[in-house]
Amino acid sequence: MISIIVVDREEERRALGSVLIPENGIRVSAFGQDEYDALRLVDQKKPDAALISIDGEGAGADLVPLLKRRSPHTAIIMYTPRGREETVWEAVSAGVSGYLVKPDDHDRLPEMIKIACFGGCYISPNILGQTRAYIMDLIHYRRCVKAPPDGGEAPSIPSGISNTELRIMGRIGRAQSNKEIAEQMQLTQGTVRNYVSSAMKKAGLQNRTQIAIYALKNGLTKIG
């Protein structure tokens, strides 16, 4: 039996009553409605999974490392009506084990919770779209390179990286191609490639996926 906490508005919780039941292998050990409840309940219950649906500033990816610190084994699953691409990328890189959409994925919740608890990572097909390849790269990188999902300190940015290199890394973190970066920064594609190679060497990275992870973890996607 999988133990789970649910953090959502009270009226939304009622809709989950038909699928989060023992007959489907799920036992809800506690309910909450905000970030404070999520942190408190994960710390107290140490559940197998936490189904999180929180609206507002500070919700989502920023909460994941804090939850992981309190219970590293708990699979964090975001369940939200919103599916902005950057939110999905940030959540996956932060360590979520699922990103689902209301109400489309309602009937599949038990299956997806089990996938998450057994080490998988499920992203709703309703928000993959053209970001599918990029998100799958992030998932693959997190599994194979073992980028810490437990809220460990992000690495410091090497002093040798230039501002231009940081800007380019940030744009790669936003899934821009070399052509797009060159056009927006008024550089040639060859110059962009040179900057990318230089930045990878200085940061000890090996490919664009690792650059994207690095950019997300260090806040470089917010650089212009």
N, C-alpha and C. Protein backbone atom coordinates (compact mmCIF):
# COMPACT_ATOMS: atom_id res chain seq x y z
N MET A 1 0.84 -1.20 0.00
CA MET A 1 0.00 0.00 0.00
C MET A 1 0.87 1.25 0.00
N ILE A 2 0.62 2.15 -0.92
CA ILE A 2 1.39 3.39 -1.04
C ILE A 2 0.77 4.47 -0.17
N SER A 3 1.58 5.06 0.72
CA SER A 3 1.09 6.16 1.54
C SER A 3 1.36 7.48 0.83
N ILE A 4 0.39 8.39 0.92
CA ILE A 4 0.50 9.65 0.18
C ILE A 4 -0.13 10.78 0.99
N ILE A 5 0.44 11.96 0.87
CA ILE A 5 -0.24 13.15 1.38
C ILE A 5 -0.73 13.95 0.18
N VAL A 6 -1.82 14.67 0.37
CA VAL A 6 -2.41 15.49 -0.69
C VAL A 6 -2.48 16.92 -0.20
N VAL A 7 -1.89 17.83 -0.96
CA VAL A 7 -1.92 19.25 -0.61
C VAL A 7 -2.66 19.97 -1.74
N ASP A 8 -3.89 20.39 -1.43
CA ASP A 8 -4.75 21.02 -2.44
C ASP A 8 -5.89 21.72 -1.71
N ARG A 9 -6.62 22.55 -2.45
CA ARG A 9 -7.77 23.21 -1.86
C ARG A 9 -8.83 22.17 -1.49
N GLU A 10 -9.59 22.47 -0.44
CA GLU A 10 -10.53 21.49 0.08
C GLU A 10 -11.54 21.04 -0.96
N GLU A 11 -12.04 21.99 -1.76
CA GLU A 11 -13.03 21.61 -2.77
C GLU A 11 -12.44 20.70 -3.85
N GLU A 12 -11.15 20.84 -4.09
CA GLU A 12 -10.49 20.00 -5.08
C GLU A 12 -10.24 18.60 -4.53
N ARG A 13 -10.01 18.51 -3.23
CA ARG A 13 -9.72 17.20 -2.63
C ARG A 13 -10.87 16.23 -2.82
N ARG A 14 -12.08 16.75 -2.74
CA ARG A 14 -13.25 15.87 -2.85
C ARG A 14 -13.26 15.13 -4.18
N ALA A 15 -12.76 15.78 -5.22
CA ALA A 15 -12.75 15.15 -6.54
C ALA A 15 -11.77 13.98 -6.61
N LEU A 16 -10.84 13.93 -5.66
CA LEU A 16 -9.84 12.86 -5.66
C LEU A 16 -10.32 11.62 -4.93
N GLY A 17 -11.45 11.74 -4.24
CA GLY A 17 -11.92 10.65 -3.40
C GLY A 17 -12.21 9.36 -4.13
N SER A 18 -12.51 9.44 -5.42
CA SER A 18 -12.88 8.23 -6.16
C SER A 18 -11.67 7.45 -6.67
N VAL A 19 -10.48 8.07 -6.69
CA VAL A 19 -9.31 7.38 -7.25
C VAL A 19 -8.22 7.12 -6.22
N LEU A 20 -8.10 7.98 -5.21
CA LEU A 20 -7.08 7.77 -4.18
C LEU A 20 -7.67 6.96 -3.05
N ILE A 21 -7.84 5.68 -3.30
CA ILE A 21 -8.52 4.78 -2.36
C ILE A 21 -7.69 3.49 -2.21
N PRO A 22 -7.88 2.77 -1.08
CA PRO A 22 -7.13 1.52 -0.87
C PRO A 22 -7.31 0.51 -2.00
N GLU A 23 -8.49 0.48 -2.60
CA GLU A 23 -8.73 -0.46 -3.69
C GLU A 23 -7.78 -0.23 -4.86
N ASN A 24 -7.29 0.99 -5.00
CA ASN A 24 -6.32 1.29 -6.05
C ASN A 24 -4.88 1.28 -5.54
N GLY A 25 -4.71 0.79 -4.31
CA GLY A 25 -3.37 0.68 -3.76
C GLY A 25 -2.84 1.96 -3.14
N ILE A 26 -3.75 2.92 -2.87
CA ILE A 26 -3.34 4.23 -2.34
C ILE A 26 -3.98 4.46 -0.98
N ARG A 27 -3.18 4.91 -0.03
CA ARG A 27 -3.72 5.30 1.28
C ARG A 27 -3.31 6.75 1.56
N VAL A 28 -4.32 7.64 1.61
CA VAL A 28 -4.05 9.05 1.92
C VAL A 28 -3.88 9.19 3.42
N SER A 29 -2.67 9.56 3.84
CA SER A 29 -2.39 9.64 5.27
C SER A 29 -2.68 11.03 5.85
N ALA A 30 -2.77 12.05 4.98
CA ALA A 30 -3.06 13.40 5.48
C ALA A 30 -3.36 14.33 4.32
N PHE A 31 -4.14 15.39 4.64
CA PHE A 31 -4.45 16.44 3.67
C PHE A 31 -3.90 17.77 4.17
N GLY A 32 -3.54 18.63 3.23
CA GLY A 32 -3.13 19.98 3.54
C GLY A 32 -3.57 20.91 2.44
N GLN A 33 -3.33 22.23 2.62
CA GLN A 33 -3.81 23.15 1.61
C GLN A 33 -2.81 24.24 1.19
N ASP A 34 -1.62 24.26 1.80
CA ASP A 34 -0.66 25.29 1.41
C ASP A 34 0.77 24.79 1.59
N GLU A 35 1.75 25.69 1.30
CA GLU A 35 3.16 25.32 1.39
C GLU A 35 3.54 24.87 2.80
N TYR A 36 3.04 25.57 3.79
CA TYR A 36 3.35 25.21 5.17
C TYR A 36 2.88 23.80 5.48
N ASP A 37 1.65 23.47 5.07
CA ASP A 37 1.13 22.12 5.30
C ASP A 37 1.98 21.07 4.57
N ALA A 38 2.39 21.39 3.35
CA ALA A 38 3.20 20.44 2.58
C ALA A 38 4.49 20.11 3.33
N LEU A 39 5.19 21.14 3.80
CA LEU A 39 6.45 20.92 4.51
C LEU A 39 6.22 20.18 5.83
N ARG A 40 5.19 20.59 6.56
CA ARG A 40 4.90 19.98 7.86
C ARG A 40 4.52 18.51 7.71
N LEU A 41 3.67 18.21 6.76
CA LEU A 41 3.16 16.84 6.61
C LEU A 41 4.22 15.90 6.06
N VAL A 42 5.03 16.38 5.12
CA VAL A 42 6.10 15.54 4.60
C VAL A 42 7.09 15.21 5.72
N ASP A 43 7.38 16.20 6.55
CA ASP A 43 8.30 16.00 7.66
C ASP A 43 7.73 15.02 8.69
N GLN A 44 6.44 15.14 8.98
CA GLN A 44 5.82 14.29 9.99
C GLN A 44 5.53 12.88 9.50
N LYS A 45 4.98 12.78 8.29
CA LYS A 45 4.47 11.50 7.79
C LYS A 45 5.50 10.69 7.02
N LYS A 46 6.51 11.36 6.42
CA LYS A 46 7.49 10.68 5.56
C LYS A 46 6.76 9.75 4.57
N PRO A 47 5.82 10.28 3.79
CA PRO A 47 5.01 9.44 2.90
C PRO A 47 5.82 8.92 1.71
N ASP A 48 5.26 7.91 1.04
CA ASP A 48 5.89 7.42 -0.20
C ASP A 48 5.79 8.47 -1.31
N ALA A 49 4.70 9.25 -1.30
CA ALA A 49 4.51 10.26 -2.34
C ALA A 49 3.76 11.45 -1.77
N ALA A 50 3.96 12.60 -2.39
CA ALA A 50 3.22 13.81 -2.03
C ALA A 50 2.63 14.39 -3.31
N LEU A 51 1.31 14.49 -3.35
CA LEU A 51 0.60 15.08 -4.49
C LEU A 51 0.36 16.55 -4.17
N ILE A 52 1.01 17.44 -4.90
CA ILE A 52 1.03 18.85 -4.55
C ILE A 52 0.33 19.68 -5.62
N SER A 53 -0.64 20.47 -5.19
CA SER A 53 -1.29 21.43 -6.08
C SER A 53 -1.44 22.74 -5.33
N ILE A 54 -0.52 23.67 -5.60
CA ILE A 54 -0.52 24.95 -4.90
C ILE A 54 -0.42 26.07 -5.92
N ASP A 55 -1.34 27.02 -5.85
CA ASP A 55 -1.30 28.19 -6.72
C ASP A 55 -0.57 29.32 -6.01
N GLY A 56 -0.01 30.21 -6.80
CA GLY A 56 0.55 31.42 -6.22
C GLY A 56 2.05 31.48 -6.26
N GLU A 57 2.58 32.63 -5.88
CA GLU A 57 4.02 32.87 -5.89
C GLU A 57 4.73 31.93 -4.93
N GLY A 58 5.86 31.42 -5.38
CA GLY A 58 6.67 30.55 -4.53
C GLY A 58 6.27 29.09 -4.60
N ALA A 59 5.17 28.76 -5.31
CA ALA A 59 4.73 27.38 -5.41
C ALA A 59 5.55 26.66 -6.47
N GLY A 60 5.45 25.33 -6.45
CA GLY A 60 6.05 24.56 -7.52
C GLY A 60 7.50 24.19 -7.27
N ALA A 61 8.34 24.50 -8.27
CA ALA A 61 9.72 24.02 -8.24
C ALA A 61 10.48 24.49 -7.01
N ASP A 62 10.23 25.70 -6.53
CA ASP A 62 10.95 26.20 -5.37
C ASP A 62 10.67 25.39 -4.11
N LEU A 63 9.52 24.74 -4.07
CA LEU A 63 9.14 23.97 -2.89
C LEU A 63 9.79 22.59 -2.87
N VAL A 64 10.11 22.07 -4.05
CA VAL A 64 10.58 20.68 -4.16
C VAL A 64 11.84 20.41 -3.35
N PRO A 65 12.91 21.21 -3.47
CA PRO A 65 14.12 20.92 -2.67
C PRO A 65 13.85 20.94 -1.17
N LEU A 66 12.95 21.82 -0.72
CA LEU A 66 12.63 21.88 0.71
C LEU A 66 11.94 20.61 1.17
N LEU A 67 11.05 20.08 0.33
CA LEU A 67 10.39 18.83 0.67
C LEU A 67 11.38 17.67 0.67
N LYS A 68 12.28 17.67 -0.30
CA LYS A 68 13.26 16.58 -0.41
C LYS A 68 14.22 16.56 0.77
N ARG A 69 14.53 17.73 1.31
CA ARG A 69 15.40 17.76 2.49
C ARG A 69 14.75 17.06 3.67
N ARG A 70 13.43 17.22 3.78
CA ARG A 70 12.71 16.64 4.92
C ARG A 70 12.44 15.15 4.74
N SER A 71 12.30 14.70 3.50
CA SER A 71 12.03 13.28 3.27
C SER A 71 12.57 12.90 1.89
N PRO A 72 13.86 12.56 1.79
CA PRO A 72 14.48 12.30 0.48
C PRO A 72 13.81 11.21 -0.34
N HIS A 73 13.20 10.22 0.32
CA HIS A 73 12.62 9.11 -0.44
C HIS A 73 11.23 9.44 -0.99
N THR A 74 10.60 10.51 -0.53
CA THR A 74 9.23 10.83 -0.96
C THR A 74 9.22 11.31 -2.40
N ALA A 75 8.38 10.71 -3.22
CA ALA A 75 8.22 11.13 -4.61
C ALA A 75 7.29 12.34 -4.65
N ILE A 76 7.76 13.43 -5.22
CA ILE A 76 6.97 14.65 -5.30
C ILE A 76 6.28 14.72 -6.65
N ILE A 77 4.96 14.87 -6.63
CA ILE A 77 4.17 14.92 -7.86
C ILE A 77 3.39 16.22 -7.90
N MET A 78 3.64 17.04 -8.90
CA MET A 78 2.89 18.28 -9.08
C MET A 78 1.61 17.97 -9.85
N TYR A 79 0.50 18.54 -9.40
CA TYR A 79 -0.80 18.30 -10.03
C TYR A 79 -1.48 19.64 -10.18
N THR A 80 -1.45 20.19 -11.36
CA THR A 80 -1.82 21.59 -11.53
C THR A 80 -2.56 21.83 -12.84
N PRO A 81 -3.44 22.84 -12.87
CA PRO A 81 -4.09 23.19 -14.13
C PRO A 81 -3.18 23.99 -15.04
N ARG A 82 -2.05 24.44 -14.48
CA ARG A 82 -1.14 25.24 -15.29
C ARG A 82 0.01 24.40 -15.81
N GLY A 83 0.43 24.68 -17.04
CA GLY A 83 1.51 23.91 -17.63
C GLY A 83 2.47 24.75 -18.43
N ARG A 84 2.84 25.92 -17.89
CA ARG A 84 3.82 26.75 -18.59
C ARG A 84 5.12 25.97 -18.74
N GLU A 85 5.74 26.05 -19.92
CA GLU A 85 6.89 25.22 -20.21
C GLU A 85 8.01 25.41 -19.19
N GLU A 86 8.32 26.67 -18.85
CA GLU A 86 9.44 26.89 -17.95
C GLU A 86 9.17 26.31 -16.57
N THR A 87 7.89 26.28 -16.15
CA THR A 87 7.55 25.69 -14.87
C THR A 87 7.81 24.19 -14.88
N VAL A 88 7.47 23.54 -15.98
CA VAL A 88 7.72 22.11 -16.10
C VAL A 88 9.21 21.83 -16.05
N TRP A 89 10.00 22.57 -16.82
CA TRP A 89 11.45 22.35 -16.84
C TRP A 89 12.03 22.51 -15.44
N GLU A 90 11.66 23.60 -14.76
CA GLU A 90 12.20 23.87 -13.44
C GLU A 90 11.80 22.78 -12.45
N ALA A 91 10.55 22.31 -12.55
CA ALA A 91 10.08 21.28 -11.64
C ALA A 91 10.84 19.97 -11.86
N VAL A 92 11.03 19.59 -13.11
CA VAL A 92 11.74 18.34 -13.42
C VAL A 92 13.18 18.42 -12.95
N SER A 93 13.84 19.54 -13.24
CA SER A 93 15.24 19.67 -12.83
C SER A 93 15.38 19.75 -11.31
N ALA A 94 14.33 20.23 -10.63
CA ALA A 94 14.37 20.32 -9.17
C ALA A 94 14.19 18.96 -8.51
N GLY A 95 13.64 17.99 -9.25
CA GLY A 95 13.53 16.64 -8.69
C GLY A 95 12.15 16.06 -8.57
N VAL A 96 11.13 16.65 -9.24
CA VAL A 96 9.80 16.05 -9.16
C VAL A 96 9.79 14.71 -9.87
N SER A 97 8.89 13.84 -9.45
CA SER A 97 8.73 12.53 -10.06
C SER A 97 7.49 12.46 -10.93
N GLY A 98 6.77 13.58 -11.05
CA GLY A 98 5.60 13.62 -11.90
C GLY A 98 5.08 15.03 -12.04
N TYR A 99 4.52 15.34 -13.20
CA TYR A 99 3.92 16.65 -13.43
C TYR A 99 2.63 16.40 -14.22
N LEU A 100 1.51 16.52 -13.52
CA LEU A 100 0.21 16.13 -14.06
C LEU A 100 -0.71 17.33 -14.17
N VAL A 101 -1.75 17.19 -14.99
CA VAL A 101 -2.65 18.30 -15.30
C VAL A 101 -4.07 17.96 -14.87
N LYS A 102 -4.72 18.92 -14.19
CA LYS A 102 -6.14 18.80 -13.85
C LYS A 102 -6.98 19.27 -15.05
N PRO A 103 -8.14 18.64 -15.26
CA PRO A 103 -8.60 17.37 -14.71
C PRO A 103 -8.22 16.19 -15.61
N ASP A 104 -7.43 16.46 -16.65
CA ASP A 104 -7.15 15.46 -17.68
C ASP A 104 -6.58 14.15 -17.14
N ASP A 105 -5.68 14.26 -16.15
CA ASP A 105 -4.99 13.08 -15.65
C ASP A 105 -5.65 12.48 -14.40
N HIS A 106 -6.86 12.90 -14.09
CA HIS A 106 -7.54 12.47 -12.86
C HIS A 106 -7.61 10.95 -12.76
N ASP A 107 -8.11 10.29 -13.80
CA ASP A 107 -8.32 8.85 -13.73
C ASP A 107 -7.02 8.06 -13.72
N ARG A 108 -5.94 8.70 -14.16
CA ARG A 108 -4.65 8.00 -14.22
C ARG A 108 -3.79 8.23 -12.99
N LEU A 109 -4.30 8.95 -12.03
CA LEU A 109 -3.49 9.29 -10.86
C LEU A 109 -2.90 8.07 -10.14
N PRO A 110 -3.68 7.02 -9.84
CA PRO A 110 -3.08 5.87 -9.15
C PRO A 110 -1.91 5.26 -9.92
N GLU A 111 -2.08 5.11 -11.22
CA GLU A 111 -1.02 4.54 -12.04
C GLU A 111 0.23 5.42 -12.02
N MET A 112 0.01 6.74 -12.14
CA MET A 112 1.15 7.65 -12.19
C MET A 112 1.86 7.76 -10.84
N ILE A 113 1.10 7.67 -9.76
CA ILE A 113 1.69 7.68 -8.43
C ILE A 113 2.57 6.45 -8.24
N LYS A 114 2.12 5.31 -8.71
CA LYS A 114 2.92 4.08 -8.60
C LYS A 114 4.19 4.18 -9.42
N ILE A 115 4.09 4.75 -10.63
CA ILE A 115 5.28 4.95 -11.46
C ILE A 115 6.30 5.81 -10.71
N ALA A 116 5.82 6.89 -10.12
CA ALA A 116 6.71 7.81 -9.39
C ALA A 116 7.36 7.12 -8.20
N CYS A 117 6.59 6.32 -7.47
CA CYS A 117 7.11 5.68 -6.28
C CYS A 117 8.12 4.57 -6.59
N PHE A 118 8.07 4.04 -7.80
CA PHE A 118 9.02 3.01 -8.19
C PHE A 118 10.18 3.58 -9.01
N GLY A 119 10.40 4.89 -8.88
CA GLY A 119 11.58 5.49 -9.49
C GLY A 119 11.40 6.10 -10.86
N GLY A 120 10.17 6.07 -11.38
CA GLY A 120 9.93 6.66 -12.69
C GLY A 120 9.67 8.15 -12.60
N CYS A 121 9.46 8.75 -13.74
CA CYS A 121 9.12 10.17 -13.80
C CYS A 121 8.12 10.35 -14.94
N TYR A 122 6.91 10.78 -14.60
CA TYR A 122 5.84 10.89 -15.59
C TYR A 122 5.46 12.35 -15.80
N ILE A 123 5.49 12.77 -17.08
CA ILE A 123 5.05 14.11 -17.45
C ILE A 123 3.79 13.96 -18.30
N SER A 124 2.75 14.69 -17.94
CA SER A 124 1.49 14.58 -18.66
C SER A 124 1.68 14.85 -20.14
N PRO A 125 1.13 13.98 -21.01
CA PRO A 125 1.24 14.22 -22.45
C PRO A 125 0.54 15.51 -22.88
N ASN A 126 -0.34 16.02 -22.05
CA ASN A 126 -1.06 17.24 -22.40
C ASN A 126 -0.18 18.49 -22.34
N ILE A 127 0.99 18.40 -21.70
CA ILE A 127 1.87 19.56 -21.63
C ILE A 127 3.24 19.29 -22.24
N LEU A 128 3.44 18.09 -22.76
CA LEU A 128 4.73 17.83 -23.39
C LEU A 128 4.91 18.66 -24.66
N GLY A 129 4.00 18.42 -25.64
CA GLY A 129 4.07 19.17 -26.89
C GLY A 129 5.46 19.15 -27.49
N GLN A 130 5.91 20.31 -27.93
CA GLN A 130 7.22 20.41 -28.55
C GLN A 130 8.36 20.39 -27.54
N THR A 131 8.02 20.40 -26.25
CA THR A 131 9.07 20.38 -25.23
C THR A 131 9.45 18.95 -24.84
N ARG A 132 8.82 17.96 -25.45
CA ARG A 132 9.03 16.58 -25.06
C ARG A 132 10.51 16.18 -25.04
N ALA A 133 11.21 16.42 -26.13
CA ALA A 133 12.61 15.99 -26.22
C ALA A 133 13.45 16.66 -25.15
N TYR A 134 13.19 17.95 -24.92
CA TYR A 134 13.98 18.68 -23.94
C TYR A 134 13.73 18.16 -22.54
N ILE A 135 12.46 17.93 -22.20
CA ILE A 135 12.13 17.43 -20.87
C ILE A 135 12.70 16.02 -20.67
N MET A 136 12.62 15.18 -21.70
CA MET A 136 13.17 13.84 -21.58
C MET A 136 14.68 13.88 -21.36
N ASP A 137 15.36 14.84 -21.99
CA ASP A 137 16.79 15.01 -21.76
C ASP A 137 17.07 15.37 -20.30
N LEU A 138 16.24 16.24 -19.73
CA LEU A 138 16.41 16.61 -18.33
C LEU A 138 16.24 15.40 -17.42
N ILE A 139 15.20 14.59 -17.70
CA ILE A 139 14.95 13.40 -16.89
C ILE A 139 16.13 12.43 -17.02
N HIS A 140 16.59 12.22 -18.26
CA HIS A 140 17.71 11.31 -18.49
C HIS A 140 18.96 11.80 -17.76
N TYR A 141 19.20 13.10 -17.83
CA TYR A 141 20.39 13.65 -17.17
C TYR A 141 20.31 13.46 -15.66
N ARG A 142 19.11 13.69 -15.09
CA ARG A 142 18.97 13.58 -13.65
C ARG A 142 19.21 12.15 -13.20
N ARG A 143 18.78 11.16 -14.00
CA ARG A 143 18.96 9.77 -13.62
C ARG A 143 20.41 9.31 -13.79
N CYS A 144 21.03 9.69 -14.93
CA CYS A 144 22.33 9.14 -15.28
C CYS A 144 23.50 9.88 -14.63
N VAL A 145 23.37 11.19 -14.51
CA VAL A 145 24.45 11.98 -13.93
C VAL A 145 24.21 12.19 -12.45
N LYS A 146 22.96 11.91 -12.02
CA LYS A 146 22.59 12.03 -10.61
C LYS A 146 22.72 13.46 -10.10
N ALA A 147 22.15 14.40 -10.84
CA ALA A 147 22.05 15.76 -10.33
C ALA A 147 21.26 15.71 -9.04
N PRO A 148 21.74 16.31 -7.96
CA PRO A 148 21.12 16.11 -6.64
C PRO A 148 19.70 16.63 -6.59
N PRO A 149 18.70 15.73 -6.33
CA PRO A 149 17.31 16.18 -6.21
C PRO A 149 16.94 16.51 -4.78
N ASP A 150 17.93 16.50 -3.88
CA ASP A 150 17.60 16.57 -2.46
C ASP A 150 17.78 17.96 -1.87
N GLY A 151 17.87 18.96 -2.75
CA GLY A 151 17.97 20.31 -2.23
C GLY A 151 19.36 20.70 -1.81
N GLY A 152 20.41 19.94 -2.26
CA GLY A 152 21.77 20.32 -1.93
C GLY A 152 22.14 21.66 -2.55
N GLU A 153 23.21 22.24 -2.04
CA GLU A 153 23.61 23.55 -2.50
C GLU A 153 23.99 23.50 -3.98
N ALA A 154 23.51 24.47 -4.75
CA ALA A 154 23.90 24.58 -6.15
C ALA A 154 25.36 24.98 -6.24
N PRO A 155 26.09 24.46 -7.24
CA PRO A 155 27.50 24.80 -7.35
C PRO A 155 27.68 26.27 -7.64
N SER A 156 28.79 26.84 -7.13
CA SER A 156 29.06 28.24 -7.41
C SER A 156 29.50 28.40 -8.84
N ILE A 157 29.25 29.57 -9.42
CA ILE A 157 29.60 29.83 -10.80
C ILE A 157 31.09 30.14 -10.88
N PRO A 158 31.85 29.42 -11.71
CA PRO A 158 33.29 29.68 -11.82
C PRO A 158 33.56 31.13 -12.21
N SER A 159 34.57 31.72 -11.59
CA SER A 159 34.86 33.12 -11.83
C SER A 159 35.32 33.40 -13.25
N GLY A 160 35.83 32.37 -13.94
CA GLY A 160 36.35 32.61 -15.28
C GLY A 160 35.30 32.75 -16.36
N ILE A 161 34.03 32.43 -16.05
CA ILE A 161 32.98 32.53 -17.05
C ILE A 161 32.58 33.99 -17.24
N SER A 162 32.54 34.42 -18.49
CA SER A 162 32.22 35.81 -18.78
C SER A 162 30.72 36.06 -18.72
N ASN A 163 30.34 37.31 -18.68
CA ASN A 163 28.92 37.68 -18.67
C ASN A 163 28.22 37.19 -19.93
N THR A 164 28.90 37.30 -21.08
CA THR A 164 28.30 36.82 -22.34
C THR A 164 28.06 35.32 -22.29
N GLU A 165 29.03 34.58 -21.75
CA GLU A 165 28.87 33.13 -21.63
C GLU A 165 27.71 32.78 -20.70
N LEU A 166 27.56 33.52 -19.60
CA LEU A 166 26.44 33.29 -18.68
C LEU A 166 25.11 33.56 -19.37
N ARG A 167 25.06 34.63 -20.16
CA ARG A 167 23.82 34.96 -20.88
C ARG A 167 23.46 33.86 -21.87
N ILE A 168 24.47 33.35 -22.57
CA ILE A 168 24.22 32.27 -23.53
C ILE A 168 23.78 31.00 -22.82
N MET A 169 24.41 30.68 -21.70
CA MET A 169 24.00 29.51 -20.94
C MET A 169 22.56 29.66 -20.46
N GLY A 170 22.20 30.86 -20.04
CA GLY A 170 20.82 31.10 -19.62
C GLY A 170 19.83 30.89 -20.74
N ARG A 171 20.20 31.30 -21.94
CA ARG A 171 19.30 31.11 -23.08
C ARG A 171 19.20 29.64 -23.47
N ILE A 172 20.28 28.89 -23.31
CA ILE A 172 20.21 27.45 -23.53
C ILE A 172 19.28 26.82 -22.49
N GLY A 173 19.33 27.34 -21.27
CA GLY A 173 18.40 26.87 -20.24
C GLY A 173 16.96 27.14 -20.58
N ARG A 174 16.71 28.14 -21.45
CA ARG A 174 15.36 28.42 -21.92
C ARG A 174 15.08 27.72 -23.25
N ALA A 175 15.94 26.74 -23.61
CA ALA A 175 15.77 25.88 -24.78
C ALA A 175 15.90 26.63 -26.10
N GLN A 176 16.68 27.70 -26.13
CA GLN A 176 16.92 28.40 -27.39
C GLN A 176 18.04 27.72 -28.16
N SER A 177 17.93 27.72 -29.48
CA SER A 177 18.96 27.16 -30.34
C SER A 177 20.09 28.17 -30.54
N ASN A 178 21.21 27.69 -31.09
CA ASN A 178 22.32 28.60 -31.39
C ASN A 178 21.88 29.69 -32.37
N LYS A 179 21.04 29.33 -33.33
CA LYS A 179 20.56 30.30 -34.31
C LYS A 179 19.74 31.40 -33.63
N GLU A 180 18.84 30.99 -32.72
CA GLU A 180 18.02 31.98 -32.01
C GLU A 180 18.89 32.87 -31.13
N ILE A 181 19.86 32.25 -30.45
CA ILE A 181 20.75 33.03 -29.59
C ILE A 181 21.54 34.03 -30.42
N ALA A 182 22.06 33.59 -31.56
CA ALA A 182 22.86 34.47 -32.42
C ALA A 182 22.03 35.66 -32.91
N GLU A 183 20.80 35.40 -33.31
CA GLU A 183 19.94 36.48 -33.82
C GLU A 183 19.62 37.49 -32.71
N GLN A 184 19.31 36.99 -31.53
CA GLN A 184 18.89 37.88 -30.45
C GLN A 184 20.06 38.64 -29.83
N MET A 185 21.25 38.05 -29.85
CA MET A 185 22.40 38.71 -29.26
C MET A 185 23.29 39.38 -30.30
N GLN A 186 22.84 39.32 -31.58
CA GLN A 186 23.56 39.93 -32.69
C GLN A 186 24.99 39.40 -32.78
N LEU A 187 25.10 38.08 -32.77
CA LEU A 187 26.36 37.38 -32.94
C LEU A 187 26.24 36.42 -34.10
N THR A 188 27.36 35.91 -34.58
CA THR A 188 27.30 34.85 -35.58
C THR A 188 27.11 33.51 -34.87
N GLN A 189 26.58 32.53 -35.59
CA GLN A 189 26.39 31.22 -34.98
C GLN A 189 27.74 30.60 -34.59
N GLY A 190 28.78 30.87 -35.38
CA GLY A 190 30.10 30.37 -35.05
C GLY A 190 30.61 30.94 -33.73
N THR A 191 30.35 32.23 -33.52
CA THR A 191 30.76 32.87 -32.26
C THR A 191 30.01 32.26 -31.09
N VAL A 192 28.71 32.02 -31.28
CA VAL A 192 27.92 31.40 -30.22
C VAL A 192 28.47 30.01 -29.88
N ARG A 193 28.81 29.24 -30.91
CA ARG A 193 29.37 27.90 -30.67
C ARG A 193 30.66 27.98 -29.87
N ASN A 194 31.48 28.97 -30.21
CA ASN A 194 32.74 29.14 -29.48
C ASN A 194 32.49 29.48 -28.01
N TYR A 195 31.52 30.38 -27.77
CA TYR A 195 31.18 30.73 -26.39
C TYR A 195 30.65 29.52 -25.63
N VAL A 196 29.82 28.72 -26.30
CA VAL A 196 29.26 27.52 -25.67
C VAL A 196 30.37 26.55 -25.28
N SER A 197 31.30 26.32 -26.21
CA SER A 197 32.41 25.40 -25.92
C SER A 197 33.26 25.91 -24.77
N SER A 198 33.52 27.22 -24.75
CA SER A 198 34.32 27.82 -23.70
C SER A 198 33.62 27.70 -22.35
N ALA A 199 32.32 27.98 -22.33
CA ALA A 199 31.56 27.91 -21.08
C ALA A 199 31.51 26.49 -20.54
N MET A 200 31.32 25.51 -21.43
CA MET A 200 31.28 24.11 -20.99
C MET A 200 32.61 23.71 -20.35
N LYS A 201 33.72 24.11 -20.98
CA LYS A 201 35.03 23.77 -20.45
C LYS A 201 35.24 24.38 -19.07
N LYS A 202 34.88 25.66 -18.91
CA LYS A 202 35.08 26.35 -17.64
C LYS A 202 34.21 25.78 -16.52
N ALA A 203 32.99 25.35 -16.90
CA ALA A 203 32.06 24.84 -15.89
C ALA A 203 32.15 23.33 -15.70
N GLY A 204 32.99 22.66 -16.50
CA GLY A 204 33.13 21.22 -16.38
C GLY A 204 31.91 20.45 -16.88
N LEU A 205 31.27 20.97 -17.94
CA LEU A 205 30.08 20.34 -18.51
C LEU A 205 30.42 19.69 -19.85
N GLN A 206 29.52 18.80 -20.30
CA GLN A 206 29.84 18.02 -21.50
C GLN A 206 28.87 18.20 -22.65
N ASN A 207 27.68 18.71 -22.41
CA ASN A 207 26.71 18.84 -23.50
C ASN A 207 25.66 19.90 -23.15
N ARG A 208 24.76 20.17 -24.09
CA ARG A 208 23.76 21.22 -23.90
C ARG A 208 22.78 20.90 -22.80
N THR A 209 22.46 19.61 -22.62
CA THR A 209 21.54 19.24 -21.55
C THR A 209 22.14 19.60 -20.20
N GLN A 210 23.44 19.33 -20.02
CA GLN A 210 24.08 19.69 -18.76
C GLN A 210 24.14 21.21 -18.59
N ILE A 211 24.33 21.93 -19.70
CA ILE A 211 24.28 23.40 -19.62
C ILE A 211 22.90 23.85 -19.15
N ALA A 212 21.85 23.25 -19.71
CA ALA A 212 20.48 23.63 -19.34
C ALA A 212 20.22 23.39 -17.86
N ILE A 213 20.65 22.23 -17.36
CA ILE A 213 20.49 21.93 -15.93
C ILE A 213 21.25 22.94 -15.10
N TYR A 214 22.50 23.21 -15.49
CA TYR A 214 23.34 24.17 -14.78
C TYR A 214 22.68 25.53 -14.74
N ALA A 215 22.14 25.96 -15.89
CA ALA A 215 21.50 27.28 -15.98
C ALA A 215 20.28 27.37 -15.08
N LEU A 216 19.48 26.31 -15.04
CA LEU A 216 18.28 26.31 -14.22
C LEU A 216 18.64 26.33 -12.73
N LYS A 217 19.62 25.53 -12.33
CA LYS A 217 19.98 25.43 -10.92
C LYS A 217 20.62 26.71 -10.40
N ASN A 218 21.28 27.47 -11.29
CA ASN A 218 21.98 28.66 -10.87
C ASN A 218 21.26 29.96 -11.22
N GLY A 219 20.00 29.84 -11.69
CA GLY A 219 19.21 31.04 -11.96
C GLY A 219 19.64 31.80 -13.20
N LEU A 220 20.38 31.15 -14.11
CA LEU A 220 20.87 31.86 -15.28
C LEU A 220 19.77 32.14 -16.31
N THR A 221 18.65 31.42 -16.22
CA THR A 221 17.57 31.63 -17.19
C THR A 221 16.92 32.99 -17.00
N LYS A 222 17.18 33.64 -15.89
CA LYS A 222 16.61 34.96 -15.63
C LYS A 222 17.50 36.08 -16.16
N ILE A 223 18.71 35.71 -16.64
CA ILE A 223 19.63 36.71 -17.19
C ILE A 223 19.18 37.07 -18.61
N GLY A 224 19.22 38.33 -18.96
CA GLY A 224 18.74 38.77 -20.26
C GLY A 224 19.61 38.33 -21.41
